[in-house]
Amino acid sequence: MPTPEDIRREMPTPTIAESKARRGSGAAALAAGVIGCVLGIVLLALTAVVGVWAVGVGVALLLVGLAVLLGLTPVAPGEARVVQLFGRYLGTIRESGLCWVNPFARRRRVSTRVRNHETASLKVNDADGSPIEIAAVVVWQVEDTARAAYAVDDFVEFVGIQTETAVRHIATSYPYDGHGDEELSLRQNAEDITARLSAEISARVETAGVRVIESRLTRLAYAPEIAQAMLRRQQAGAIVSARKRIVEAAVGMVDDALKQLERDQVVDLDEERKATMVSNLLVVLCGDRDAQPVVNSGSLYQ
């Protein structure tokens, strides 16, 4: 079974990492842009009074003011802006509020909020080949906005596909029910399985700059076509386990009773009488119905 380290080595290594973008004051840029536009409009309106030169100056001020206003970039809480200029990554803005960047730069929104992704109910075969239905939910968050924006086409879709792949891989690597005390199973070792699922999903989505916070199995059951047969198998196993405990406890009780009788010298029993007493006590203790006493009017040998 591949480990998370093996999966990390197989996934492509990102060639880009998040950096902080340069930003200007949004309030100052807003004020400068508004003043430039107002002065440009005023000069254009007073062209007849001031002179022809006011047309060029007014148009220039108006264009500069509009350019400054176009560079205003609002950043809401829980999101970041990935800045790109002519195909070059300039950095990421994470601080919320109004800021100013190059008006010709592209500013892509990337949500940094915590998200949930729940897979559909998947029908796969476990390690024993039994068909089962399994589903999981993963809680994740974008950690590196540059990787999320440029390392994959759509990081949300990427997380969904890789989560489903990891769930299928985990489901086929372990049996639904364990056959030994040291063997991991999907049903009996839920905590260990979910920990391994989280590690595998983290290894798969690391390329996209995504951090997995938690993952849990939300559905785990045998497929309907074998559910009844497996239920009878589980019931039989439970009955065998319960009988085993009862027999072990009964043997201990019989052993204690014989030792106590011998220690207190209540009765002197030979081997045949001990065997008879053991048989009677085991019948009483291990039977699933109340014992019916039989009065013996003779001796133990009759």
Protein backbone atom coordinates (compact mmCIF):
# COMPACT_ATOMS: atom_id res chain seq x y z
CA MET A 1 0.00 0.00 0.00
CA PRO A 2 1.53 3.37 -1.00
CA THR A 3 2.26 5.68 1.93
CA PRO A 4 1.48 9.43 1.94
CA GLU A 5 5.20 10.08 1.38
CA ASP A 6 5.09 7.90 -1.75
CA ILE A 7 2.08 9.82 -3.02
CA ARG A 8 3.84 13.16 -2.42
CA ARG A 9 6.80 11.99 -4.46
CA GLU A 10 4.51 10.90 -7.29
CA MET A 11 2.57 14.18 -7.41
CA PRO A 12 4.15 17.00 -9.47
CA THR A 13 6.24 19.50 -7.52
CA PRO A 14 4.78 23.04 -7.72
CA THR A 15 7.07 25.62 -9.32
CA ILE A 16 5.38 28.59 -7.66
CA ALA A 17 4.76 29.69 -4.09
CA GLU A 18 2.71 32.45 -2.52
CA SER A 19 4.38 35.82 -1.90
CA LYS A 20 3.13 39.16 -0.66
CA ALA A 21 2.11 41.65 -3.33
CA ARG A 22 2.95 45.32 -3.20
CA ARG A 23 -0.06 47.49 -2.47
CA GLY A 24 -0.83 51.15 -2.05
CA SER A 25 -3.19 53.00 0.24
CA GLY A 26 -6.73 52.67 -0.97
CA ALA A 27 -7.95 55.86 0.71
CA ALA A 28 -5.17 57.97 -0.80
CA ALA A 29 -5.73 56.49 -4.24
CA LEU A 30 -9.47 57.10 -3.99
CA ALA A 31 -8.93 60.73 -3.04
CA ALA A 32 -6.37 61.28 -5.81
CA GLY A 33 -8.58 59.65 -8.43
CA VAL A 34 -11.65 61.69 -7.48
CA ILE A 35 -9.65 64.95 -7.43
CA GLY A 36 -8.10 64.19 -10.81
CA CYS A 37 -11.47 63.42 -12.41
CA VAL A 38 -13.10 66.53 -10.90
CA LEU A 39 -10.27 68.83 -12.04
CA GLY A 40 -10.33 67.32 -15.53
CA ILE A 41 -14.08 67.88 -15.86
CA VAL A 42 -13.79 71.44 -14.56
CA LEU A 43 -11.02 72.32 -17.04
CA LEU A 44 -13.01 70.85 -19.92
CA ALA A 45 -16.03 72.88 -18.86
CA LEU A 46 -13.97 76.11 -18.68
CA THR A 47 -12.19 75.66 -22.02
CA ALA A 48 -13.89 78.71 -23.53
CA VAL A 49 -12.75 80.89 -20.66
CA VAL A 50 -9.29 79.51 -19.91
CA GLY A 51 -8.14 78.62 -23.39
CA VAL A 52 -7.57 75.73 -25.74
CA TRP A 53 -4.72 74.36 -23.63
CA ALA A 54 -7.26 73.39 -20.96
CA VAL A 55 -8.63 70.64 -23.24
CA GLY A 56 -5.40 68.63 -23.25
CA VAL A 57 -4.77 69.13 -19.57
CA GLY A 58 -8.36 68.32 -18.65
CA VAL A 59 -8.39 65.11 -20.72
CA ALA A 60 -5.05 64.04 -19.22
CA LEU A 61 -6.26 64.65 -15.66
CA LEU A 62 -9.49 62.80 -16.37
CA LEU A 63 -7.67 59.78 -17.81
CA VAL A 64 -5.18 59.68 -14.93
CA GLY A 65 -8.00 59.93 -12.40
CA LEU A 66 -9.91 57.09 -14.03
CA ALA A 67 -6.77 54.95 -14.17
CA VAL A 68 -6.15 55.53 -10.47
CA LEU A 69 -9.75 54.59 -9.65
CA LEU A 70 -9.48 51.43 -11.73
CA GLY A 71 -6.58 50.31 -9.52
CA LEU A 72 -8.73 50.32 -6.38
CA THR A 73 -9.12 46.76 -5.08
CA PRO A 74 -11.45 45.84 -2.21
CA VAL A 75 -10.46 42.71 -0.27
CA ALA A 76 -13.19 41.15 1.86
CA PRO A 77 -12.47 39.09 5.01
CA GLY A 78 -12.02 35.43 4.19
CA GLU A 79 -10.66 36.00 0.70
CA ALA A 80 -7.40 36.93 -1.00
CA ARG A 81 -6.50 38.63 -4.28
CA VAL A 82 -3.94 36.99 -6.56
CA VAL A 83 -2.30 39.77 -8.61
CA GLN A 84 -1.03 39.01 -12.12
CA LEU A 85 0.44 41.49 -14.62
CA PHE A 86 0.94 40.46 -18.26
CA GLY A 87 1.14 36.77 -17.28
CA ARG A 88 3.53 37.32 -14.38
CA TYR A 89 2.55 36.54 -10.81
CA LEU A 90 3.16 39.64 -8.67
CA GLY A 91 1.95 38.35 -5.31
CA THR A 92 -1.11 37.91 -3.14
CA ILE A 93 -3.04 40.42 -1.06
CA ARG A 94 -4.53 38.90 2.11
CA GLU A 95 -5.15 42.03 4.22
CA SER A 96 -8.82 42.97 4.13
CA GLY A 97 -9.89 46.50 3.20
CA LEU A 98 -9.46 48.88 0.27
CA CYS A 99 -6.04 48.91 -1.36
CA TRP A 100 -4.52 50.04 -4.66
CA VAL A 101 -2.55 48.01 -7.19
CA ASN A 102 -1.48 48.49 -10.79
CA PRO A 103 -4.72 49.16 -12.73
CA PHE A 104 -3.53 46.96 -15.62
CA ALA A 105 -3.03 43.93 -13.33
CA ARG A 106 -5.52 41.12 -13.10
CA ARG A 107 -6.82 40.57 -9.56
CA ARG A 108 -8.27 37.11 -9.09
CA ARG A 109 -10.42 36.33 -6.06
CA VAL A 110 -9.46 33.20 -4.10
CA SER A 111 -11.53 32.23 -1.07
CA THR A 112 -9.53 31.36 2.04
CA ARG A 113 -12.57 30.32 4.06
CA VAL A 114 -12.87 26.84 5.57
CA ARG A 115 -14.88 24.56 3.29
CA ASN A 116 -16.55 21.16 3.43
CA HIS A 117 -16.58 18.58 0.69
CA GLU A 118 -18.71 15.46 1.02
CA THR A 119 -18.27 12.65 -1.44
CA ALA A 120 -21.16 10.75 -2.92
CA SER A 121 -21.87 7.24 -1.64
CA LEU A 122 -19.25 5.15 -3.45
CA LYS A 123 -19.68 1.44 -4.12
CA VAL A 124 -16.32 -0.36 -4.00
CA ASN A 125 -14.88 -3.72 -2.99
CA ASP A 126 -12.97 -3.94 0.27
CA ALA A 127 -9.73 -5.89 0.74
CA ASP A 128 -11.73 -9.15 0.99
CA GLY A 129 -13.58 -8.43 -2.25
CA SER A 130 -16.91 -7.73 -0.53
CA PRO A 131 -18.92 -4.86 -2.06
CA ILE A 132 -19.42 -1.99 0.38
CA GLU A 133 -20.82 1.54 0.28
CA ILE A 134 -18.61 4.28 1.68
CA ALA A 135 -18.68 8.08 1.82
CA ALA A 136 -16.58 10.72 3.56
CA VAL A 137 -16.50 14.43 4.33
CA VAL A 138 -13.30 16.49 4.31
CA VAL A 139 -12.79 19.92 5.86
CA TRP A 140 -10.19 21.94 3.94
CA GLN A 141 -8.82 25.42 3.38
CA VAL A 142 -6.62 27.13 0.82
CA GLU A 143 -3.18 27.67 2.34
CA ASP A 144 -1.14 28.76 -0.70
CA THR A 145 -3.20 30.96 -3.03
CA ALA A 146 -0.55 30.96 -5.77
CA ARG A 147 -0.61 27.17 -6.05
CA ALA A 148 -4.41 27.13 -5.91
CA ALA A 149 -4.58 29.64 -8.77
CA TYR A 150 -1.80 28.36 -11.05
CA ALA A 151 -0.81 24.78 -10.13
CA VAL A 152 -4.19 23.28 -11.12
CA ASP A 153 -7.04 24.31 -13.41
CA ASP A 154 -9.77 24.30 -10.75
CA PHE A 155 -8.65 23.65 -7.18
CA VAL A 156 -12.20 23.01 -5.92
CA GLU A 157 -12.75 20.27 -8.51
CA PHE A 158 -9.23 18.98 -7.86
CA VAL A 159 -9.96 18.55 -4.14
CA GLY A 160 -13.20 16.71 -4.94
CA ILE A 161 -11.59 14.25 -7.35
CA GLN A 162 -8.55 13.57 -5.14
CA THR A 163 -10.78 13.05 -2.08
CA GLU A 164 -12.85 10.46 -3.95
CA THR A 165 -9.66 8.76 -5.13
CA ALA A 166 -8.30 8.58 -1.58
CA VAL A 167 -11.58 7.19 -0.21
CA ARG A 168 -11.62 4.47 -2.87
CA HIS A 169 -7.99 3.59 -2.18
CA ILE A 170 -8.52 3.34 1.58
CA ALA A 171 -11.69 1.26 1.13
CA THR A 172 -9.93 -1.27 -1.10
CA SER A 173 -6.89 -1.52 1.19
CA TYR A 174 -8.68 -2.75 4.34
CA PRO A 175 -11.41 -5.30 5.05
CA TYR A 176 -14.79 -4.20 6.34
CA ASP A 177 -14.48 -6.51 9.35
CA GLY A 178 -11.18 -7.62 10.87
CA HIS A 179 -10.30 -11.31 11.07
CA GLY A 180 -7.63 -10.90 13.72
CA ASP A 181 -6.87 -8.76 16.73
CA GLU A 182 -3.95 -6.97 15.04
CA GLU A 183 -5.57 -6.44 11.63
CA LEU A 184 -7.05 -3.03 10.88
CA SER A 185 -10.61 -2.97 9.57
CA LEU A 186 -12.87 -0.20 8.33
CA ARG A 187 -15.60 -0.80 10.90
CA GLN A 188 -13.60 -1.65 14.02
CA ASN A 189 -10.71 0.85 13.63
CA ALA A 190 -12.52 3.99 12.53
CA GLU A 191 -10.09 6.41 14.20
CA ASP A 192 -6.99 4.85 12.63
CA ILE A 193 -8.69 4.65 9.22
CA THR A 194 -9.78 8.30 9.26
CA ALA A 195 -6.28 9.37 10.31
CA ARG A 196 -4.79 7.50 7.35
CA LEU A 197 -7.49 8.94 5.08
CA SER A 198 -6.62 12.49 6.18
CA ALA A 199 -2.92 11.86 5.60
CA GLU A 200 -3.53 10.50 2.09
CA ILE A 201 -5.87 13.34 1.09
CA SER A 202 -3.32 15.88 2.40
CA ALA A 203 -0.60 14.29 0.29
CA ARG A 204 -2.78 14.36 -2.81
CA VAL A 205 -3.97 18.00 -2.56
CA GLU A 206 -0.72 19.53 -1.34
CA THR A 207 0.16 20.39 -4.95
CA ALA A 208 -2.88 22.69 -5.11
CA GLY A 209 -1.87 24.57 -1.95
CA VAL A 210 -4.73 23.10 0.08
CA ARG A 211 -4.54 22.13 3.76
CA VAL A 212 -6.78 19.35 5.04
CA ILE A 213 -8.13 20.16 8.50
CA GLU A 214 -10.12 16.98 9.14
CA SER A 215 -11.79 14.10 7.34
CA ARG A 216 -14.40 11.62 8.55
CA LEU A 217 -16.30 8.66 7.14
CA THR A 218 -19.99 9.54 6.91
CA ARG A 219 -21.26 6.23 5.54
CA LEU A 220 -19.92 2.70 5.81
CA ALA A 221 -22.10 -0.31 5.09
CA TYR A 222 -22.23 -3.49 3.07
CA ALA A 223 -23.87 -3.23 -0.33
CA PRO A 224 -27.60 -4.14 -0.28
CA GLU A 225 -27.09 -7.37 -2.24
CA ILE A 226 -24.94 -8.92 0.52
CA ALA A 227 -26.14 -6.97 3.55
CA GLN A 228 -28.43 -9.75 4.86
CA ALA A 229 -25.79 -12.47 4.45
CA MET A 230 -23.16 -10.34 6.20
CA LEU A 231 -25.62 -9.51 8.98
CA ARG A 232 -26.13 -13.22 9.65
CA ARG A 233 -22.36 -13.67 9.61
CA GLN A 234 -21.91 -10.89 12.17
CA GLN A 235 -24.65 -12.36 14.36
CA ALA A 236 -23.03 -15.79 14.22
CA GLY A 237 -19.67 -14.28 15.15
CA ALA A 238 -21.26 -12.42 18.05
CA ILE A 239 -22.90 -15.62 19.30
CA VAL A 240 -19.63 -17.55 19.08
CA SER A 241 -17.78 -14.77 20.91
CA ALA A 242 -20.43 -14.63 23.64
CA ARG A 243 -20.38 -18.43 24.07
CA LYS A 244 -16.62 -18.38 24.33
CA ARG A 245 -16.77 -15.80 27.13
CA ILE A 246 -19.45 -17.79 28.93
CA VAL A 247 -17.43 -21.02 28.75
CA GLU A 248 -14.25 -19.28 29.95
CA ALA A 249 -16.13 -17.75 32.88
CA ALA A 250 -17.83 -21.06 33.72
CA VAL A 251 -14.55 -22.96 33.72
CA GLY A 252 -13.08 -20.39 36.09
CA MET A 253 -16.07 -20.62 38.40
CA VAL A 254 -15.94 -24.44 38.46
CA ASP A 255 -12.21 -24.36 39.20
CA ASP A 256 -12.76 -21.92 42.07
CA ALA A 257 -15.59 -24.07 43.45
CA LEU A 258 -13.52 -27.26 43.45
CA LYS A 259 -10.57 -25.50 45.08
CA GLN A 260 -12.80 -24.00 47.76
CA LEU A 261 -14.44 -27.37 48.54
CA GLU A 262 -11.04 -28.99 48.83
CA ARG A 263 -9.63 -26.13 50.95
CA ASP A 264 -12.58 -26.05 53.37
CA GLN A 265 -12.75 -29.88 53.45
CA VAL A 266 -16.49 -29.81 52.85
CA VAL A 267 -16.47 -33.07 50.94
CA ASP A 268 -13.83 -35.49 49.77
CA LEU A 269 -14.23 -36.00 46.01
CA ASP A 270 -12.42 -38.54 43.96
CA GLU A 271 -11.68 -38.00 40.25
CA GLU A 272 -14.96 -39.53 39.08
CA ARG A 273 -17.01 -37.36 41.45
CA LYS A 274 -15.06 -34.29 40.38
CA ALA A 275 -15.82 -35.10 36.75
CA THR A 276 -19.52 -35.47 37.54
CA MET A 277 -19.60 -32.17 39.45
CA VAL A 278 -17.74 -30.37 36.68
CA SER A 279 -20.17 -31.70 34.11
CA ASN A 280 -23.20 -30.65 36.15
CA LEU A 281 -21.84 -27.18 36.89
CA LEU A 282 -20.91 -26.55 33.25
CA VAL A 283 -24.39 -27.59 32.15
CA VAL A 284 -25.96 -25.18 34.63
CA LEU A 285 -23.62 -22.28 33.91
CA CYS A 286 -23.37 -22.63 30.13
CA GLY A 287 -26.95 -23.58 29.31
CA ASP A 288 -29.18 -20.96 27.67
CA ARG A 289 -32.19 -22.22 29.65
CA ASP A 290 -32.87 -22.67 33.35
CA ALA A 291 -31.60 -26.01 34.64
CA GLN A 292 -34.18 -28.61 35.78
CA PRO A 293 -32.96 -30.22 39.04
CA VAL A 294 -33.12 -34.03 39.35
CA VAL A 295 -33.28 -35.56 42.83
CA ASN A 296 -30.96 -38.55 43.13
CA SER A 297 -32.20 -40.98 45.79
CA GLY A 298 -29.15 -43.20 45.44
CA SER A 299 -25.44 -42.44 45.41
CA LEU A 300 -23.36 -40.56 42.89
CA TYR A 301 -22.51 -43.84 41.21
CA GLN A 302 -26.16 -44.83 40.56
